[in-house]
Amino acid sequence: MFTTQELQQAKIFAYLDEDYRARLAHTVADVQLKPGEWFVREGEPACFFEDFEGSLRIVLDWLIDRRRDRA
């Protein structure tokens, strides 16, 4: 779980008032991935993400989509 202070470090959350950040801190997930793990795949329900530490690589999995189209 994140604290309000941790959320305030992200520019997108910094302008929210303290009460709103406190409510948000109780609902956000702290997801930690190992190198090579998938966070989300194309076609899954849309969500909002903020990368607090490290980096994410966006990969279009077009080969799998092309195989599905041929079936």
Protein backbone atom coordinates (compact mmCIF):
# COMPACT_ATOMS: atom_id res chain seq x y z
CA MET A 1 0.00 0.00 0.00
CA PHE A 2 1.17 3.52 -0.75
CA THR A 3 1.19 6.43 1.66
CA THR A 4 -0.14 9.88 0.83
CA GLN A 5 3.43 11.17 0.86
CA GLU A 6 4.50 8.58 -1.71
CA LEU A 7 1.58 9.49 -3.96
CA GLN A 8 2.45 13.17 -3.65
CA GLN A 9 5.86 12.44 -5.20
CA ALA A 10 4.16 11.69 -8.52
CA LYS A 11 3.30 14.94 -10.32
CA ILE A 12 -0.10 13.63 -11.38
CA PHE A 13 -1.13 13.11 -7.73
CA ALA A 14 0.73 16.05 -6.19
CA TYR A 15 -2.09 18.52 -6.87
CA LEU A 16 -4.77 16.43 -5.15
CA ASP A 17 -5.74 17.47 -1.66
CA GLU A 18 -4.51 15.40 1.27
CA ASP A 19 -7.92 13.80 1.98
CA TYR A 20 -8.33 12.60 -1.59
CA ARG A 21 -4.77 11.22 -1.66
CA ALA A 22 -5.52 9.38 1.60
CA ARG A 23 -8.60 7.71 0.05
CA LEU A 24 -6.65 6.92 -3.10
CA ALA A 25 -3.77 5.43 -1.09
CA HIS A 26 -6.17 2.78 0.26
CA THR A 27 -7.32 1.69 -3.20
CA VAL A 28 -4.17 1.62 -5.34
CA ALA A 29 -2.08 -1.50 -5.75
CA ASP A 30 1.67 -1.70 -5.28
CA VAL A 31 2.66 -4.10 -8.05
CA GLN A 32 6.26 -5.25 -8.18
CA LEU A 33 7.52 -7.15 -11.21
CA LYS A 34 10.67 -9.07 -11.94
CA PRO A 35 12.50 -8.43 -15.22
CA GLY A 36 10.64 -10.07 -18.08
CA GLU A 37 7.29 -10.38 -16.26
CA TRP A 38 4.14 -9.07 -17.97
CA PHE A 39 2.10 -6.41 -16.19
CA VAL A 40 -0.80 -6.19 -18.62
CA ARG A 41 -1.59 -7.54 -22.07
CA GLU A 42 -3.37 -5.86 -24.95
CA GLY A 43 -7.13 -6.37 -24.81
CA GLU A 44 -7.32 -6.60 -21.02
CA PRO A 45 -9.53 -4.08 -19.19
CA ALA A 46 -8.10 -0.57 -19.22
CA CYS A 47 -6.50 0.73 -16.03
CA PHE A 48 -4.41 3.69 -14.97
CA PHE A 49 -0.74 3.12 -14.20
CA GLU A 50 2.00 5.21 -12.59
CA ASP A 51 5.56 3.94 -12.65
CA PHE A 52 7.18 5.07 -9.41
CA GLU A 53 10.45 3.22 -9.78
CA GLY A 54 12.21 1.48 -12.64
CA SER A 55 10.87 1.39 -16.16
CA LEU A 56 8.30 -0.42 -18.27
CA ARG A 57 8.66 -1.55 -21.85
CA ILE A 58 5.60 -1.49 -24.10
CA VAL A 59 5.52 -4.39 -26.55
CA LEU A 60 2.94 -4.94 -29.28
CA ASP A 61 2.30 -8.67 -29.47
CA TRP A 62 1.34 -8.62 -33.16
CA LEU A 63 2.44 -12.17 -33.97
CA ILE A 64 -0.15 -13.69 -31.64
CA ASP A 65 -2.87 -11.42 -33.11
CA ARG A 66 -1.95 -12.51 -36.65
CA ARG A 67 -2.19 -16.20 -35.66
CA ARG A 68 -5.66 -15.61 -34.18
CA ASP A 69 -6.81 -13.88 -37.38
CA ARG A 70 -5.76 -16.90 -39.48
CA ALA A 71 -7.65 -19.42 -37.34
